[in-house]
Amino acid sequence: MRYNPSFWFVSNLLAIILLELFFPIAVNFSLAQPFGILFLSCAILIALWSKQVFSRHHTSYNPKDKPKYLITNNIYSLSRNPIYIALILAFIGISFILSLNYFPLGTVVLFTILTKVIIPYEEKELYEIFEDKYLQYKSLTPKWL
């Protein structure tokens, strides 16, 4: 579970929903709902694009599986972590759609878990598999955008 981004996404979303229920804040984010749809739509497009690139290179989209190929083109030439960008956009989008006032806290927690736990684990694994090829890619491509 420690390195499972989906687990952290769902856990974090449930945590802020519980915070909303037990410690409501008198802020109205309902005007942000259209932006939530936009954020969620962007997240879905990025995730689908990423999945399509993985499929084209015959490597697994599942973070539990070891990669067979180092993808450095398409969306992966813009960011080393487009799936995690999509995850954060989806989190913000769902939070806006549900008018969750604790979304800034949840977003910071999710971003911190991705940055401090998940990504370092994956980068270590990529280095162990692809060595210098990964270091070169890492030096040329930003982590986020």
Protein backbone atom coordinates (compact mmCIF):
# COMPACT_ATOMS: atom_id res chain seq x y z
CA MET A 1 0.00 0.00 0.00
CA ARG A 2 2.85 2.39 0.74
CA TYR A 3 3.75 2.80 -2.93
CA ASN A 4 0.24 2.55 -4.38
CA PRO A 5 -0.85 5.97 -5.68
CA SER A 6 -4.49 4.89 -6.08
CA PHE A 7 -4.65 3.93 -2.41
CA TRP A 8 -3.35 7.36 -1.38
CA PHE A 9 -5.72 9.14 -3.76
CA VAL A 10 -8.79 7.37 -2.38
CA SER A 11 -7.61 7.55 1.26
CA ASN A 12 -6.91 11.24 0.97
CA LEU A 13 -10.27 11.93 -0.68
CA LEU A 14 -12.08 9.98 2.04
CA ALA A 15 -10.13 11.85 4.72
CA ILE A 16 -11.18 15.27 3.45
CA ILE A 17 -14.78 14.09 3.05
CA LEU A 18 -14.71 13.01 6.71
CA LEU A 19 -13.21 16.36 7.68
CA GLU A 20 -16.08 18.05 5.84
CA LEU A 21 -18.62 15.97 7.74
CA PHE A 22 -17.14 16.39 11.22
CA PHE A 23 -15.54 19.84 10.94
CA PRO A 24 -17.48 21.82 8.34
CA ILE A 25 -16.08 25.13 7.14
CA ALA A 26 -18.44 27.93 6.17
CA VAL A 27 -16.90 28.54 2.74
CA ASN A 28 -18.89 28.06 -0.43
CA PHE A 29 -16.88 26.53 -3.27
CA SER A 30 -19.97 25.65 -5.31
CA LEU A 31 -19.00 28.27 -7.92
CA ALA A 32 -15.87 26.19 -8.56
CA GLN A 33 -17.89 23.19 -9.80
CA PRO A 34 -17.51 24.07 -13.50
CA PHE A 35 -13.74 24.30 -12.93
CA GLY A 36 -13.94 20.89 -11.27
CA ILE A 37 -15.40 19.44 -14.44
CA LEU A 38 -12.61 21.09 -16.44
CA PHE A 39 -9.89 19.78 -14.09
CA LEU A 40 -11.36 16.28 -14.08
CA SER A 41 -11.69 16.29 -17.87
CA CYS A 42 -8.05 17.33 -18.25
CA ALA A 43 -7.02 14.60 -15.81
CA ILE A 44 -8.90 11.97 -17.79
CA LEU A 45 -7.36 13.12 -21.08
CA ILE A 46 -3.83 13.06 -19.62
CA ALA A 47 -4.40 9.61 -18.08
CA LEU A 48 -5.80 8.21 -21.34
CA TRP A 49 -2.91 9.70 -23.34
CA SER A 50 -0.42 8.19 -20.89
CA LYS A 51 -2.10 4.81 -21.02
CA GLN A 52 -2.08 4.88 -24.82
CA VAL A 53 1.66 5.62 -24.83
CA PHE A 54 2.28 2.73 -22.41
CA SER A 55 0.23 0.40 -24.63
CA ARG A 56 2.10 1.47 -27.74
CA HIS A 57 5.40 0.54 -26.04
CA HIS A 58 4.02 -2.77 -24.70
CA THR A 59 4.83 -1.93 -21.10
CA SER A 60 2.54 -2.03 -18.08
CA TYR A 61 0.54 0.97 -16.90
CA ASN A 62 0.31 -0.62 -13.44
CA PRO A 63 2.84 0.95 -11.03
CA LYS A 64 3.26 -2.44 -9.31
CA ASP A 65 4.74 -3.98 -12.46
CA LYS A 66 8.36 -3.51 -13.47
CA PRO A 67 8.66 -1.41 -16.63
CA LYS A 68 9.94 -3.13 -19.77
CA TYR A 69 10.64 0.06 -21.67
CA LEU A 70 11.71 3.58 -20.67
CA ILE A 71 9.20 5.93 -22.28
CA THR A 72 10.75 9.30 -23.07
CA ASN A 73 8.58 10.59 -25.93
CA ASN A 74 5.07 12.02 -26.35
CA ILE A 75 3.67 13.29 -23.06
CA TYR A 76 6.72 11.87 -21.27
CA SER A 77 8.94 14.40 -23.02
CA LEU A 78 7.01 17.16 -21.23
CA SER A 79 6.96 15.62 -17.74
CA ARG A 80 8.34 12.52 -16.06
CA ASN A 81 5.10 12.17 -14.08
CA PRO A 82 2.07 12.98 -16.25
CA ILE A 83 -0.01 10.29 -14.54
CA TYR A 84 0.59 11.97 -11.18
CA ILE A 85 -0.27 15.34 -12.67
CA ALA A 86 -3.53 13.73 -13.80
CA LEU A 87 -4.05 12.30 -10.32
CA ILE A 88 -3.66 15.72 -8.69
CA LEU A 89 -5.92 17.37 -11.29
CA ALA A 90 -8.53 14.65 -10.71
CA PHE A 91 -8.29 15.17 -6.95
CA ILE A 92 -8.83 18.92 -7.32
CA GLY A 93 -11.59 18.38 -9.87
CA ILE A 94 -13.52 15.93 -7.69
CA SER A 95 -13.02 18.23 -4.70
CA PHE A 96 -14.47 21.17 -6.65
CA ILE A 97 -17.37 19.11 -8.00
CA LEU A 98 -18.23 17.94 -4.47
CA SER A 99 -17.55 21.43 -3.03
CA LEU A 100 -15.03 20.07 -0.53
CA ASN A 101 -13.58 22.97 1.42
CA TYR A 102 -10.58 20.99 2.64
CA PHE A 103 -9.30 20.39 -0.89
CA PRO A 104 -6.17 22.59 -0.41
CA LEU A 105 -5.10 20.43 2.54
CA GLY A 106 -5.89 17.22 0.66
CA THR A 107 -4.02 18.43 -2.42
CA VAL A 108 -0.92 19.31 -0.39
CA VAL A 109 -0.99 15.94 1.38
CA LEU A 110 -1.40 14.04 -1.91
CA PHE A 111 1.35 16.07 -3.59
CA THR A 112 3.67 15.47 -0.63
CA ILE A 113 3.06 11.71 -0.64
CA LEU A 114 3.68 11.56 -4.38
CA THR A 115 6.82 13.70 -4.16
CA LYS A 116 8.37 12.21 -1.02
CA VAL A 117 7.26 8.55 -1.12
CA ILE A 118 5.98 7.30 -4.47
CA ILE A 119 8.14 9.13 -7.03
CA PRO A 120 11.49 8.47 -5.24
CA TYR A 121 10.61 4.78 -5.04
CA GLU A 122 9.75 4.65 -8.74
CA GLU A 123 12.82 6.68 -9.73
CA LYS A 124 15.06 4.30 -7.81
CA GLU A 125 13.46 1.35 -9.59
CA LEU A 126 13.82 3.04 -12.99
CA TYR A 127 17.48 3.76 -12.31
CA GLU A 128 18.09 0.13 -11.29
CA ILE A 129 16.54 -1.10 -14.54
CA PHE A 130 17.65 1.53 -17.09
CA GLU A 131 20.72 3.08 -15.36
CA ASP A 132 22.40 5.83 -17.43
CA LYS A 133 19.55 6.00 -19.92
CA TYR A 134 17.21 6.97 -17.07
CA LEU A 135 19.70 9.49 -15.65
CA GLN A 136 19.93 11.17 -19.06
CA TYR A 137 16.13 11.28 -19.37
CA LYS A 138 15.85 12.62 -15.81
CA SER A 139 18.35 15.39 -16.56
CA LEU A 140 16.44 16.50 -19.69
CA THR A 141 12.82 16.21 -18.56
CA PRO A 142 11.18 18.05 -15.66
CA LYS A 143 9.58 16.08 -12.85
CA TRP A 144 6.31 17.99 -13.11
CA LEU A 145 6.11 20.58 -15.90
